[in-house]
Amino acid sequence: MLALTYLSYDYPTLSLQDSIQKGLKILHQSKQESLAVLDGKTWIGNVSERMLIHALHPDGKIEQIREGLSHYRIESEEDVFASLPWFEASGFSMLPVTDEDGKFQGYLEAKTVADILMNNGFNAVNGGIIYLPFHSQRDSFSFIARLVEENNGLITRSLMIQNPKDPLGLPELVIQIQTEQFSAIVQSLERHNVHIEKAFHFGKSESVDTARFDLLLKYLNP
């Protein structure tokens, strides 16, 4: 499921040449936390109301705060679930989507990702998503996969991400699992000293362990 398939064109973009005041007005009208800033068709970054309000030159242009723009985005050819960590890290309800050359394609909305999770994410069977900090000299993906399989689980998707807020920290391994025994898998991993940062259970019952993982609630209640 590529991000390109789920593009939204319902929200505006801003230009580097737009004034700070115009940016504030359009952000207010759009009722979004941030909007994409373009130079022609090229995506430069994302601007929020907070950035504009605190601009050193309130009568200037967005170009003058270019260095302070945020850089959360997803490429159009990436799996739509690759957006999960960026939605969490940014707190935005939508992310800009670009092609591999950085050209703006549209937006991906968090509520769209939520719908995909609910309707297709686990193919109508119980499962869950697990985040864990991954140390290449300590952790073994094959060992983790074996524990999942021993508890009747199937890894349907995995990716490695780096939190942009902590570039020097450990990368995080994100695993999507189809299983009827998600809790048993979590317990087995922890029993074998695999540190789980976050996890949530999602399936037919739509039950969510909010004590361990509250990310899904951000999607269901944007």
N, C-alpha and C. Protein backbone atom coordinates (compact mmCIF):
# COMPACT_ATOMS: atom_id res chain seq x y z
N MET A 1 0.85 -1.19 0.00
CA MET A 1 0.00 0.00 0.00
C MET A 1 0.89 1.25 0.00
N LEU A 2 1.09 1.82 -1.17
CA LEU A 2 1.98 2.95 -1.30
C LEU A 2 1.28 4.24 -0.88
N ALA A 3 2.06 5.17 -0.31
CA ALA A 3 1.50 6.46 0.10
C ALA A 3 0.87 7.19 -1.07
N LEU A 4 1.42 6.98 -2.28
CA LEU A 4 0.92 7.64 -3.48
C LEU A 4 -0.56 7.35 -3.71
N THR A 5 -1.00 6.19 -3.25
CA THR A 5 -2.39 5.77 -3.48
C THR A 5 -3.38 6.55 -2.63
N TYR A 6 -2.91 7.16 -1.55
CA TYR A 6 -3.82 7.77 -0.58
C TYR A 6 -3.62 9.29 -0.44
N LEU A 7 -3.20 9.92 -1.51
CA LEU A 7 -2.93 11.36 -1.46
C LEU A 7 -4.21 12.17 -1.25
N SER A 8 -4.09 13.23 -0.48
CA SER A 8 -5.17 14.20 -0.30
C SER A 8 -4.73 15.53 -0.89
N TYR A 9 -5.67 16.15 -1.60
CA TYR A 9 -5.40 17.47 -2.20
C TYR A 9 -6.31 18.54 -1.61
N ASP A 10 -6.84 18.25 -0.42
CA ASP A 10 -7.85 19.12 0.17
C ASP A 10 -7.26 20.31 0.93
N TYR A 11 -5.92 20.37 1.06
CA TYR A 11 -5.32 21.42 1.87
C TYR A 11 -4.31 22.22 1.06
N PRO A 12 -4.14 23.48 1.39
CA PRO A 12 -3.24 24.35 0.63
C PRO A 12 -1.77 24.12 0.97
N THR A 13 -0.91 24.73 0.20
CA THR A 13 0.52 24.79 0.50
C THR A 13 0.92 26.25 0.58
N LEU A 14 2.12 26.50 1.06
CA LEU A 14 2.65 27.86 1.13
C LEU A 14 3.93 27.95 0.32
N SER A 15 4.27 29.15 -0.05
CA SER A 15 5.49 29.38 -0.82
C SER A 15 6.51 30.12 0.03
N LEU A 16 7.79 29.93 -0.30
CA LEU A 16 8.84 30.68 0.39
C LEU A 16 8.63 32.19 0.26
N GLN A 17 7.97 32.59 -0.81
CA GLN A 17 7.78 34.03 -1.07
C GLN A 17 6.51 34.58 -0.42
N ASP A 18 5.72 33.71 0.19
CA ASP A 18 4.53 34.19 0.90
C ASP A 18 4.96 34.95 2.15
N SER A 19 4.18 35.93 2.53
CA SER A 19 4.49 36.70 3.73
C SER A 19 4.15 35.90 4.98
N ILE A 20 4.77 36.27 6.08
CA ILE A 20 4.47 35.64 7.36
C ILE A 20 3.00 35.78 7.68
N GLN A 21 2.45 36.94 7.44
CA GLN A 21 1.05 37.20 7.76
C GLN A 21 0.11 36.37 6.89
N LYS A 22 0.47 36.21 5.61
CA LYS A 22 -0.35 35.35 4.75
C LYS A 22 -0.30 33.91 5.24
N GLY A 23 0.89 33.48 5.64
CA GLY A 23 1.03 32.13 6.16
C GLY A 23 0.15 31.89 7.38
N LEU A 24 0.13 32.84 8.29
CA LEU A 24 -0.71 32.72 9.48
C LEU A 24 -2.18 32.63 9.11
N LYS A 25 -2.58 33.43 8.15
CA LYS A 25 -3.99 33.45 7.73
C LYS A 25 -4.39 32.12 7.10
N ILE A 26 -3.55 31.58 6.22
CA ILE A 26 -3.88 30.33 5.55
C ILE A 26 -3.85 29.16 6.53
N LEU A 27 -2.89 29.15 7.44
CA LEU A 27 -2.85 28.10 8.46
C LEU A 27 -4.12 28.13 9.31
N HIS A 28 -4.53 29.31 9.69
CA HIS A 28 -5.74 29.46 10.51
C HIS A 28 -6.97 28.96 9.75
N GLN A 29 -7.05 29.29 8.48
CA GLN A 29 -8.19 28.87 7.67
C GLN A 29 -8.21 27.37 7.44
N SER A 30 -7.03 26.78 7.31
CA SER A 30 -6.96 25.33 7.04
C SER A 30 -7.22 24.48 8.28
N LYS A 31 -7.07 25.09 9.47
CA LYS A 31 -7.26 24.39 10.74
C LYS A 31 -6.31 23.20 10.88
N GLN A 32 -5.08 23.38 10.36
CA GLN A 32 -4.06 22.35 10.46
C GLN A 32 -2.90 22.82 11.32
N GLU A 33 -2.16 21.85 11.89
CA GLU A 33 -1.01 22.20 12.72
C GLU A 33 0.15 22.73 11.88
N SER A 34 0.23 22.27 10.64
CA SER A 34 1.32 22.71 9.77
C SER A 34 0.90 22.55 8.32
N LEU A 35 1.63 23.23 7.44
CA LEU A 35 1.42 23.11 6.00
C LEU A 35 2.78 23.02 5.31
N ALA A 36 2.78 22.42 4.13
CA ALA A 36 4.01 22.28 3.36
C ALA A 36 4.40 23.63 2.76
N VAL A 37 5.71 23.87 2.74
CA VAL A 37 6.26 25.07 2.10
C VAL A 37 7.01 24.63 0.85
N LEU A 38 6.69 25.26 -0.29
CA LEU A 38 7.28 24.87 -1.56
C LEU A 38 8.11 26.00 -2.15
N ASP A 39 9.08 25.58 -2.95
CA ASP A 39 9.82 26.50 -3.81
C ASP A 39 9.53 26.03 -5.23
N GLY A 40 8.56 26.66 -5.88
CA GLY A 40 8.05 26.12 -7.13
C GLY A 40 7.24 24.87 -6.81
N LYS A 41 7.68 23.70 -7.32
CA LYS A 41 7.03 22.44 -7.01
C LYS A 41 7.82 21.62 -6.00
N THR A 42 8.98 22.13 -5.58
CA THR A 42 9.86 21.39 -4.67
C THR A 42 9.49 21.65 -3.22
N TRP A 43 9.32 20.57 -2.47
CA TRP A 43 9.01 20.68 -1.04
C TRP A 43 10.27 21.10 -0.28
N ILE A 44 10.13 22.15 0.56
CA ILE A 44 11.25 22.68 1.33
C ILE A 44 11.18 22.25 2.79
N GLY A 45 9.96 22.22 3.33
CA GLY A 45 9.78 21.87 4.74
C GLY A 45 8.35 22.14 5.15
N ASN A 46 8.09 22.08 6.43
CA ASN A 46 6.75 22.33 6.97
C ASN A 46 6.80 23.51 7.93
N VAL A 47 5.78 24.34 7.87
CA VAL A 47 5.74 25.50 8.75
C VAL A 47 4.50 25.40 9.64
N SER A 48 4.65 25.78 10.90
CA SER A 48 3.55 25.77 11.85
C SER A 48 3.22 27.19 12.27
N GLU A 49 2.07 27.34 12.90
CA GLU A 49 1.67 28.66 13.38
C GLU A 49 2.68 29.18 14.41
N ARG A 50 3.17 28.28 15.24
CA ARG A 50 4.14 28.68 16.26
C ARG A 50 5.40 29.28 15.63
N MET A 51 5.88 28.64 14.56
CA MET A 51 7.08 29.15 13.87
C MET A 51 6.83 30.57 13.35
N LEU A 52 5.66 30.78 12.77
CA LEU A 52 5.36 32.08 12.18
C LEU A 52 5.18 33.15 13.25
N ILE A 53 4.53 32.80 14.34
CA ILE A 53 4.29 33.76 15.41
C ILE A 53 5.61 34.23 16.03
N HIS A 54 6.59 33.32 16.09
CA HIS A 54 7.86 33.64 16.72
C HIS A 54 8.93 34.08 15.72
N ALA A 55 8.51 34.37 14.50
CA ALA A 55 9.47 34.84 13.49
C ALA A 55 10.09 36.17 13.93
N LEU A 56 11.39 36.32 13.69
CA LEU A 56 12.09 37.55 14.08
C LEU A 56 11.63 38.74 13.26
N HIS A 57 11.14 38.48 12.06
CA HIS A 57 10.68 39.56 11.18
C HIS A 57 9.23 39.29 10.80
N PRO A 58 8.29 39.63 11.66
CA PRO A 58 6.87 39.30 11.42
C PRO A 58 6.29 39.92 10.16
N ASP A 59 6.96 40.94 9.63
CA ASP A 59 6.48 41.55 8.40
C ASP A 59 7.23 41.02 7.18
N GLY A 60 8.07 40.01 7.41
CA GLY A 60 8.88 39.47 6.32
C GLY A 60 8.20 38.31 5.63
N LYS A 61 9.03 37.50 4.95
CA LYS A 61 8.53 36.36 4.18
C LYS A 61 8.95 35.04 4.84
N ILE A 62 8.29 33.98 4.43
CA ILE A 62 8.59 32.66 4.99
C ILE A 62 10.03 32.27 4.67
N GLU A 63 10.55 32.77 3.57
CA GLU A 63 11.95 32.52 3.21
C GLU A 63 12.89 32.83 4.36
N GLN A 64 12.54 33.83 5.18
CA GLN A 64 13.42 34.28 6.26
C GLN A 64 13.46 33.30 7.44
N ILE A 65 12.52 32.36 7.50
CA ILE A 65 12.54 31.36 8.58
C ILE A 65 12.78 29.96 8.00
N ARG A 66 13.32 29.93 6.81
CA ARG A 66 13.55 28.66 6.10
C ARG A 66 14.34 27.66 6.94
N GLU A 67 15.36 28.12 7.65
CA GLU A 67 16.20 27.22 8.43
C GLU A 67 15.46 26.58 9.59
N GLY A 68 14.35 27.18 10.01
CA GLY A 68 13.62 26.66 11.16
C GLY A 68 12.46 25.74 10.79
N LEU A 69 12.24 25.50 9.50
CA LEU A 69 11.14 24.64 9.09
C LEU A 69 11.38 23.20 9.53
N SER A 70 10.30 22.47 9.79
CA SER A 70 10.44 21.06 10.16
C SER A 70 10.48 20.21 8.89
N HIS A 71 10.99 19.00 8.99
CA HIS A 71 11.24 18.21 7.79
C HIS A 71 10.64 16.81 7.86
N TYR A 72 9.44 16.70 8.41
CA TYR A 72 8.73 15.44 8.42
C TYR A 72 8.00 15.27 7.09
N ARG A 73 8.18 14.14 6.45
CA ARG A 73 7.51 13.85 5.18
C ARG A 73 7.58 12.36 4.92
N ILE A 74 6.93 11.91 3.87
CA ILE A 74 7.02 10.52 3.43
C ILE A 74 7.08 10.54 1.92
N GLU A 75 7.86 9.63 1.35
CA GLU A 75 7.96 9.56 -0.10
C GLU A 75 6.79 8.75 -0.67
N SER A 76 6.39 9.11 -1.87
CA SER A 76 5.19 8.52 -2.48
C SER A 76 5.30 7.02 -2.70
N GLU A 77 6.53 6.49 -2.86
CA GLU A 77 6.71 5.07 -3.11
C GLU A 77 6.93 4.26 -1.82
N GLU A 78 6.85 4.92 -0.67
CA GLU A 78 6.99 4.21 0.60
C GLU A 78 5.66 3.59 1.01
N ASP A 79 5.76 2.50 1.79
CA ASP A 79 4.56 1.90 2.35
C ASP A 79 3.88 2.91 3.26
N VAL A 80 2.57 2.96 3.19
CA VAL A 80 1.83 3.97 3.95
C VAL A 80 2.10 3.86 5.45
N PHE A 81 2.40 2.63 5.93
CA PHE A 81 2.66 2.47 7.36
C PHE A 81 4.00 3.03 7.79
N ALA A 82 4.86 3.38 6.84
CA ALA A 82 6.12 4.03 7.18
C ALA A 82 5.88 5.42 7.76
N SER A 83 4.66 5.93 7.62
CA SER A 83 4.33 7.25 8.17
C SER A 83 4.09 7.21 9.67
N LEU A 84 3.86 6.03 10.24
CA LEU A 84 3.50 5.93 11.66
C LEU A 84 4.48 6.66 12.59
N PRO A 85 5.79 6.43 12.49
CA PRO A 85 6.69 7.13 13.42
C PRO A 85 6.73 8.63 13.19
N TRP A 86 6.51 9.08 11.95
CA TRP A 86 6.58 10.52 11.69
C TRP A 86 5.34 11.23 12.20
N PHE A 87 4.18 10.58 12.13
CA PHE A 87 2.99 11.17 12.74
C PHE A 87 3.18 11.30 14.25
N GLU A 88 3.77 10.27 14.85
CA GLU A 88 3.97 10.30 16.30
C GLU A 88 4.97 11.37 16.69
N ALA A 89 6.10 11.44 15.97
CA ALA A 89 7.16 12.38 16.33
C ALA A 89 6.74 13.83 16.10
N SER A 90 6.01 14.07 15.02
CA SER A 90 5.65 15.46 14.67
C SER A 90 4.42 15.96 15.41
N GLY A 91 3.48 15.07 15.69
CA GLY A 91 2.22 15.50 16.27
C GLY A 91 1.27 16.09 15.23
N PHE A 92 1.64 16.02 13.95
CA PHE A 92 0.81 16.57 12.88
C PHE A 92 -0.31 15.59 12.53
N SER A 93 -1.41 16.12 12.00
CA SER A 93 -2.50 15.26 11.57
C SER A 93 -2.42 14.95 10.09
N MET A 94 -1.44 15.51 9.40
CA MET A 94 -1.17 15.14 8.01
C MET A 94 0.29 15.43 7.69
N LEU A 95 0.82 14.68 6.73
CA LEU A 95 2.22 14.82 6.34
C LEU A 95 2.30 15.07 4.84
N PRO A 96 3.27 15.88 4.40
CA PRO A 96 3.46 16.04 2.96
C PRO A 96 4.05 14.78 2.35
N VAL A 97 3.66 14.51 1.12
CA VAL A 97 4.18 13.37 0.36
C VAL A 97 4.95 13.92 -0.83
N THR A 98 6.17 13.43 -1.03
CA THR A 98 6.99 13.89 -2.16
C THR A 98 7.42 12.70 -3.01
N ASP A 99 7.87 12.99 -4.24
CA ASP A 99 8.49 11.93 -5.01
C ASP A 99 9.95 11.84 -4.60
N GLU A 100 10.72 10.95 -5.22
CA GLU A 100 12.11 10.74 -4.82
C GLU A 100 13.00 11.95 -5.09
N ASP A 101 12.52 12.87 -5.94
CA ASP A 101 13.28 14.08 -6.24
C ASP A 101 12.86 15.26 -5.37
N GLY A 102 11.94 15.01 -4.44
CA GLY A 102 11.52 16.08 -3.53
C GLY A 102 10.38 16.93 -4.04
N LYS A 103 9.76 16.54 -5.14
CA LYS A 103 8.62 17.29 -5.67
C LYS A 103 7.36 16.95 -4.86
N PHE A 104 6.64 17.98 -4.47
CA PHE A 104 5.43 17.80 -3.65
C PHE A 104 4.35 17.10 -4.45
N GLN A 105 3.74 16.06 -3.83
CA GLN A 105 2.69 15.29 -4.49
C GLN A 105 1.31 15.51 -3.88
N GLY A 106 1.26 15.79 -2.59
CA GLY A 106 0.00 15.94 -1.88
C GLY A 106 0.23 15.66 -0.41
N TYR A 107 -0.85 15.43 0.33
CA TYR A 107 -0.75 15.15 1.76
C TYR A 107 -1.26 13.74 2.06
N LEU A 108 -0.73 13.16 3.13
CA LEU A 108 -1.26 11.92 3.69
C LEU A 108 -1.83 12.25 5.05
N GLU A 109 -3.11 11.96 5.26
CA GLU A 109 -3.77 12.31 6.52
C GLU A 109 -3.71 11.15 7.50
N ALA A 110 -3.55 11.49 8.79
CA ALA A 110 -3.49 10.46 9.84
C ALA A 110 -4.78 9.66 9.88
N LYS A 111 -5.91 10.31 9.64
CA LYS A 111 -7.17 9.58 9.70
C LYS A 111 -7.26 8.54 8.58
N THR A 112 -6.57 8.81 7.46
CA THR A 112 -6.52 7.83 6.38
C THR A 112 -5.74 6.60 6.81
N VAL A 113 -4.60 6.83 7.49
CA VAL A 113 -3.80 5.73 7.99
C VAL A 113 -4.61 4.92 9.01
N ALA A 114 -5.39 5.61 9.83
CA ALA A 114 -6.23 4.92 10.82
C ALA A 114 -7.24 4.01 10.13
N ASP A 115 -7.86 4.52 9.07
CA ASP A 115 -8.84 3.71 8.34
C ASP A 115 -8.19 2.48 7.73
N ILE A 116 -6.98 2.65 7.19
CA ILE A 116 -6.27 1.53 6.59
C ILE A 116 -5.96 0.48 7.65
N LEU A 117 -5.51 0.94 8.83
CA LEU A 117 -5.22 0.01 9.92
C LEU A 117 -6.47 -0.77 10.32
N MET A 118 -7.58 -0.07 10.41
CA MET A 118 -8.81 -0.70 10.87
C MET A 118 -9.37 -1.68 9.85
N ASN A 119 -9.25 -1.32 8.56
CA ASN A 119 -9.90 -2.13 7.53
C ASN A 119 -8.99 -3.13 6.85
N ASN A 120 -7.69 -2.80 6.77
CA ASN A 120 -6.80 -3.66 6.00
C ASN A 120 -5.52 -4.03 6.72
N GLY A 121 -5.17 -3.27 7.76
CA GLY A 121 -3.85 -3.42 8.35
C GLY A 121 -3.51 -4.81 8.82
N PHE A 122 -4.51 -5.57 9.25
CA PHE A 122 -4.23 -6.91 9.78
C PHE A 122 -5.08 -7.97 9.10
N ASN A 123 -5.61 -7.63 7.93
CA ASN A 123 -6.35 -8.61 7.13
C ASN A 123 -7.42 -9.33 7.93
N ALA A 124 -8.10 -8.56 8.78
CA ALA A 124 -9.24 -9.06 9.55
C ALA A 124 -8.87 -10.13 10.57
N VAL A 125 -7.61 -10.20 10.96
CA VAL A 125 -7.22 -11.10 12.05
C VAL A 125 -6.53 -10.29 13.11
N ASN A 126 -6.49 -10.84 14.31
CA ASN A 126 -5.85 -10.13 15.41
C ASN A 126 -4.36 -9.98 15.16
N GLY A 127 -3.80 -8.94 15.69
CA GLY A 127 -2.37 -8.71 15.55
C GLY A 127 -1.95 -7.50 16.33
N GLY A 128 -0.81 -6.97 16.00
CA GLY A 128 -0.31 -5.80 16.70
C GLY A 128 0.93 -5.25 16.05
N ILE A 129 1.37 -4.13 16.56
CA ILE A 129 2.60 -3.49 16.12
C ILE A 129 3.50 -3.30 17.33
N ILE A 130 4.77 -3.63 17.17
CA ILE A 130 5.75 -3.51 18.25
C ILE A 130 6.90 -2.61 17.80
N TYR A 131 7.27 -1.67 18.68
CA TYR A 131 8.46 -0.84 18.49
C TYR A 131 9.50 -1.30 19.51
N LEU A 132 10.73 -1.49 19.06
CA LEU A 132 11.78 -1.80 20.03
C LEU A 132 13.11 -1.18 19.58
N PRO A 133 13.86 -0.60 20.53
CA PRO A 133 15.19 -0.07 20.18
C PRO A 133 16.10 -1.21 19.78
N PHE A 134 16.81 -1.04 18.68
CA PHE A 134 17.57 -2.16 18.10
C PHE A 134 19.05 -1.85 18.11
N HIS A 135 19.80 -2.67 18.86
CA HIS A 135 21.26 -2.55 18.92
C HIS A 135 21.85 -3.71 18.12
N SER A 136 22.54 -3.39 17.02
CA SER A 136 23.00 -4.43 16.11
C SER A 136 23.95 -5.43 16.77
N GLN A 137 24.68 -5.01 17.80
CA GLN A 137 25.61 -5.91 18.47
C GLN A 137 24.97 -6.72 19.60
N ARG A 138 23.75 -6.35 19.94
CA ARG A 138 23.08 -7.03 21.04
C ARG A 138 21.84 -7.79 20.58
N ASP A 139 21.11 -7.20 19.65
CA ASP A 139 19.83 -7.76 19.23
C ASP A 139 19.96 -8.52 17.90
N SER A 140 19.10 -9.47 17.71
CA SER A 140 19.12 -10.29 16.50
C SER A 140 17.70 -10.36 15.94
N PHE A 141 17.52 -9.91 14.70
CA PHE A 141 16.20 -9.97 14.10
C PHE A 141 15.75 -11.42 13.93
N SER A 142 16.67 -12.30 13.57
CA SER A 142 16.31 -13.70 13.38
C SER A 142 15.83 -14.33 14.69
N PHE A 143 16.45 -13.92 15.82
CA PHE A 143 16.03 -14.44 17.12
C PHE A 143 14.63 -13.94 17.46
N ILE A 144 14.39 -12.65 17.20
CA ILE A 144 13.07 -12.07 17.45
C ILE A 144 12.02 -12.77 16.59
N ALA A 145 12.35 -12.97 15.31
CA ALA A 145 11.41 -13.63 14.39
C ALA A 145 11.09 -15.05 14.86
N ARG A 146 12.11 -15.76 15.38
CA ARG A 146 11.89 -17.13 15.86
C ARG A 146 10.94 -17.15 17.05
N LEU A 147 11.10 -16.20 17.97
CA LEU A 147 10.20 -16.13 19.12
C LEU A 147 8.77 -15.84 18.67
N VAL A 148 8.63 -14.97 17.69
CA VAL A 148 7.30 -14.67 17.16
C VAL A 148 6.68 -15.92 16.56
N GLU A 149 7.45 -16.65 15.76
CA GLU A 149 6.94 -17.86 15.11
C GLU A 149 6.60 -18.94 16.13
N GLU A 150 7.40 -19.06 17.19
CA GLU A 150 7.13 -20.07 18.21
C GLU A 150 5.82 -19.81 18.93
N ASN A 151 5.36 -18.56 18.90
CA ASN A 151 4.09 -18.22 19.54
C ASN A 151 2.99 -18.00 18.50
N ASN A 152 3.14 -18.71 17.37
CA ASN A 152 2.12 -18.71 16.32
C ASN A 152 1.86 -17.32 15.75
N GLY A 153 2.91 -16.56 15.60
CA GLY A 153 2.80 -15.24 14.99
C GLY A 153 3.45 -15.20 13.62
N LEU A 154 3.00 -14.27 12.79
CA LEU A 154 3.55 -14.09 11.46
C LEU A 154 3.93 -12.61 11.29
N ILE A 155 5.21 -12.35 11.03
CA ILE A 155 5.65 -10.98 10.77
C ILE A 155 5.26 -10.61 9.35
N THR A 156 4.37 -9.64 9.22
CA THR A 156 3.88 -9.25 7.90
C THR A 156 4.56 -7.99 7.37
N ARG A 157 5.20 -7.24 8.25
CA ARG A 157 5.89 -6.03 7.81
C ARG A 157 6.90 -5.64 8.88
N SER A 158 8.07 -5.20 8.43
CA SER A 158 9.06 -4.70 9.38
C SER A 158 9.84 -3.57 8.72
N LEU A 159 10.25 -2.60 9.52
CA LEU A 159 11.09 -1.52 9.01
C LEU A 159 11.93 -0.97 10.14
N MET A 160 13.04 -0.37 9.78
CA MET A 160 13.94 0.25 10.75
C MET A 160 13.84 1.76 10.58
N ILE A 161 13.67 2.48 11.68
CA ILE A 161 13.54 3.93 11.61
C ILE A 161 14.51 4.59 12.59
N GLN A 162 14.78 5.85 12.32
CA GLN A 162 15.61 6.65 13.23
C GLN A 162 14.79 7.87 13.64
N ASN A 163 14.60 8.06 14.92
CA ASN A 163 13.83 9.20 15.40
C ASN A 163 14.59 10.48 15.09
N PRO A 164 14.02 11.39 14.29
CA PRO A 164 14.73 12.61 13.94
C PRO A 164 15.01 13.52 15.13
N LYS A 165 14.26 13.32 16.23
CA LYS A 165 14.50 14.11 17.43
C LYS A 165 15.68 13.57 18.24
N ASP A 166 16.13 12.36 17.89
CA ASP A 166 17.24 11.75 18.62
C ASP A 166 18.16 11.06 17.62
N PRO A 167 18.83 11.84 16.77
CA PRO A 167 19.65 11.25 15.69
C PRO A 167 20.80 10.39 16.19
N LEU A 168 21.22 10.58 17.46
CA LEU A 168 22.33 9.80 18.00
C LEU A 168 21.85 8.57 18.77
N GLY A 169 20.53 8.43 18.90
CA GLY A 169 19.99 7.30 19.64
C GLY A 169 19.93 6.04 18.80
N LEU A 170 19.52 4.95 19.42
CA LEU A 170 19.40 3.68 18.71
C LEU A 170 18.27 3.75 17.69
N PRO A 171 18.45 3.10 16.54
CA PRO A 171 17.32 2.99 15.61
C PRO A 171 16.23 2.14 16.23
N GLU A 172 15.01 2.30 15.75
CA GLU A 172 13.89 1.52 16.26
C GLU A 172 13.44 0.53 15.19
N LEU A 173 13.25 -0.72 15.61
CA LEU A 173 12.71 -1.75 14.74
C LEU A 173 11.20 -1.79 14.95
N VAL A 174 10.45 -1.64 13.87
CA VAL A 174 8.99 -1.67 13.92
C VAL A 174 8.52 -2.96 13.26
N ILE A 175 7.76 -3.75 14.00
CA ILE A 175 7.30 -5.06 13.49
C ILE A 175 5.78 -5.12 13.55
N GLN A 176 5.16 -5.46 12.43
CA GLN A 176 3.72 -5.72 12.40
C GLN A 176 3.53 -7.23 12.40
N ILE A 177 2.68 -7.71 13.30
CA ILE A 177 2.52 -9.14 13.50
C ILE A 177 1.05 -9.54 13.37
N GLN A 178 0.78 -10.60 12.62
CA GLN A 178 -0.54 -11.22 12.61
C GLN A 178 -0.51 -12.40 13.56
N THR A 179 -1.43 -12.41 14.50
CA THR A 179 -1.44 -13.49 15.50
C THR A 179 -2.72 -13.42 16.32
N GLU A 180 -3.06 -14.55 16.90
CA GLU A 180 -4.14 -14.61 17.88
C GLU A 180 -3.56 -14.57 19.29
N GLN A 181 -2.24 -14.51 19.40
CA GLN A 181 -1.58 -14.58 20.71
C GLN A 181 -0.61 -13.42 20.88
N PHE A 182 -1.08 -12.22 20.62
CA PHE A 182 -0.19 -11.06 20.66
C PHE A 182 0.40 -10.86 22.05
N SER A 183 -0.42 -10.98 23.07
CA SER A 183 0.07 -10.78 24.44
C SER A 183 1.16 -11.79 24.79
N ALA A 184 0.97 -13.04 24.33
CA ALA A 184 1.97 -14.08 24.61
C ALA A 184 3.29 -13.77 23.92
N ILE A 185 3.21 -13.20 22.72
CA ILE A 185 4.43 -12.83 22.00
C ILE A 185 5.17 -11.71 22.73
N VAL A 186 4.44 -10.71 23.18
CA VAL A 186 5.05 -9.62 23.94
C VAL A 186 5.73 -10.16 25.19
N GLN A 187 5.03 -11.03 25.92
CA GLN A 187 5.59 -11.60 27.14
C GLN A 187 6.83 -12.45 26.85
N SER A 188 6.79 -13.20 25.76
CA SER A 188 7.93 -14.04 25.39
C SER A 188 9.14 -13.19 25.05
N LEU A 189 8.95 -12.13 24.30
CA LEU A 189 10.06 -11.25 23.94
C LEU A 189 10.67 -10.63 25.19
N GLU A 190 9.82 -10.14 26.09
CA GLU A 190 10.33 -9.51 27.30
C GLU A 190 11.01 -10.53 28.21
N ARG A 191 10.51 -11.75 28.22
CA ARG A 191 11.10 -12.82 29.04
C ARG A 191 12.51 -13.16 28.54
N HIS A 192 12.74 -12.94 27.25
CA HIS A 192 14.06 -13.20 26.66
C HIS A 192 14.88 -11.91 26.53
N ASN A 193 14.54 -10.94 27.37
CA ASN A 193 15.30 -9.70 27.49
C ASN A 193 15.31 -8.86 26.21
N VAL A 194 14.25 -8.96 25.43
CA VAL A 194 14.08 -8.06 24.29
C VAL A 194 13.28 -6.87 24.79
N HIS A 195 13.91 -5.70 24.80
CA HIS A 195 13.25 -4.52 25.35
C HIS A 195 12.24 -3.95 24.35
N ILE A 196 10.98 -3.89 24.75
CA ILE A 196 9.93 -3.34 23.90
C ILE A 196 9.64 -1.91 24.35
N GLU A 197 9.81 -0.99 23.43
CA GLU A 197 9.57 0.42 23.73
C GLU A 197 8.08 0.72 23.76
N LYS A 198 7.37 0.25 22.73
CA LYS A 198 5.93 0.48 22.64
C LYS A 198 5.30 -0.70 21.92
N ALA A 199 4.04 -0.96 22.23
CA ALA A 199 3.33 -2.02 21.53
C ALA A 199 1.84 -1.77 21.65
N PHE A 200 1.10 -2.09 20.60
CA PHE A 200 -0.34 -2.07 20.77
C PHE A 200 -0.96 -3.25 20.05
N HIS A 201 -2.05 -3.71 20.63
CA HIS A 201 -2.79 -4.85 20.10
C HIS A 201 -3.98 -4.31 19.33
N PHE A 202 -4.17 -4.85 18.14
CA PHE A 202 -5.27 -4.37 17.32
C PHE A 202 -5.83 -5.52 16.52
N GLY A 203 -7.13 -5.72 16.57
CA GLY A 203 -7.71 -6.83 15.83
C GLY A 203 -9.21 -6.72 15.75
N LYS A 204 -9.87 -7.85 15.72
CA LYS A 204 -11.32 -7.85 15.54
C LYS A 204 -12.03 -7.07 16.64
N SER A 205 -11.51 -7.18 17.84
CA SER A 205 -12.14 -6.51 18.97
C SER A 205 -11.75 -5.05 19.08
N GLU A 206 -10.74 -4.61 18.28
CA GLU A 206 -10.23 -3.24 18.30
C GLU A 206 -9.78 -2.84 19.71
N SER A 207 -9.37 -3.81 20.50
CA SER A 207 -8.91 -3.50 21.84
C SER A 207 -7.52 -2.91 21.80
N VAL A 208 -7.29 -1.91 22.64
CA VAL A 208 -6.02 -1.21 22.63
C VAL A 208 -5.46 -1.16 24.05
N ASP A 209 -4.21 -1.55 24.21
CA ASP A 209 -3.55 -1.49 25.50
C ASP A 209 -2.93 -0.11 25.64
N THR A 210 -3.72 0.85 26.13
CA THR A 210 -3.26 2.24 26.16
C THR A 210 -2.15 2.46 27.18
N ALA A 211 -2.02 1.57 28.15
CA ALA A 211 -0.93 1.72 29.11
C ALA A 211 0.42 1.52 28.45
N ARG A 212 0.46 0.70 27.40
CA ARG A 212 1.72 0.42 26.70
C ARG A 212 1.87 1.26 25.45
N PHE A 213 0.76 1.60 24.80
CA PHE A 213 0.90 2.25 23.50
C PHE A 213 -0.36 3.06 23.20
N ASP A 214 -0.25 4.39 23.17
CA ASP A 214 -1.43 5.24 22.97
C ASP A 214 -1.45 5.88 21.59
N LEU A 215 -0.58 5.45 20.72
CA LEU A 215 -0.50 6.06 19.40
C LEU A 215 -1.79 5.91 18.61
N LEU A 216 -2.42 4.74 18.67
CA LEU A 216 -3.61 4.51 17.88
C LEU A 216 -4.71 5.50 18.23
N LEU A 217 -4.78 5.90 19.50
CA LEU A 217 -5.82 6.85 19.91
C LEU A 217 -5.64 8.19 19.21
N LYS A 218 -4.41 8.56 18.89
CA LYS A 218 -4.19 9.81 18.17
C LYS A 218 -4.80 9.77 16.78
N TYR A 219 -4.81 8.56 16.21
CA TYR A 219 -5.38 8.41 14.88
C TYR A 219 -6.91 8.35 14.93
N LEU A 220 -7.43 7.61 15.91
CA LEU A 220 -8.87 7.45 16.00
C LEU A 220 -9.56 8.69 16.55
N ASN A 221 -8.81 9.53 17.27
CA ASN A 221 -9.39 10.75 17.84
C ASN A 221 -8.47 11.94 17.53
N PRO A 222 -8.34 12.30 16.24
CA PRO A 222 -7.41 13.38 15.86
C PRO A 222 -7.89 14.72 16.38
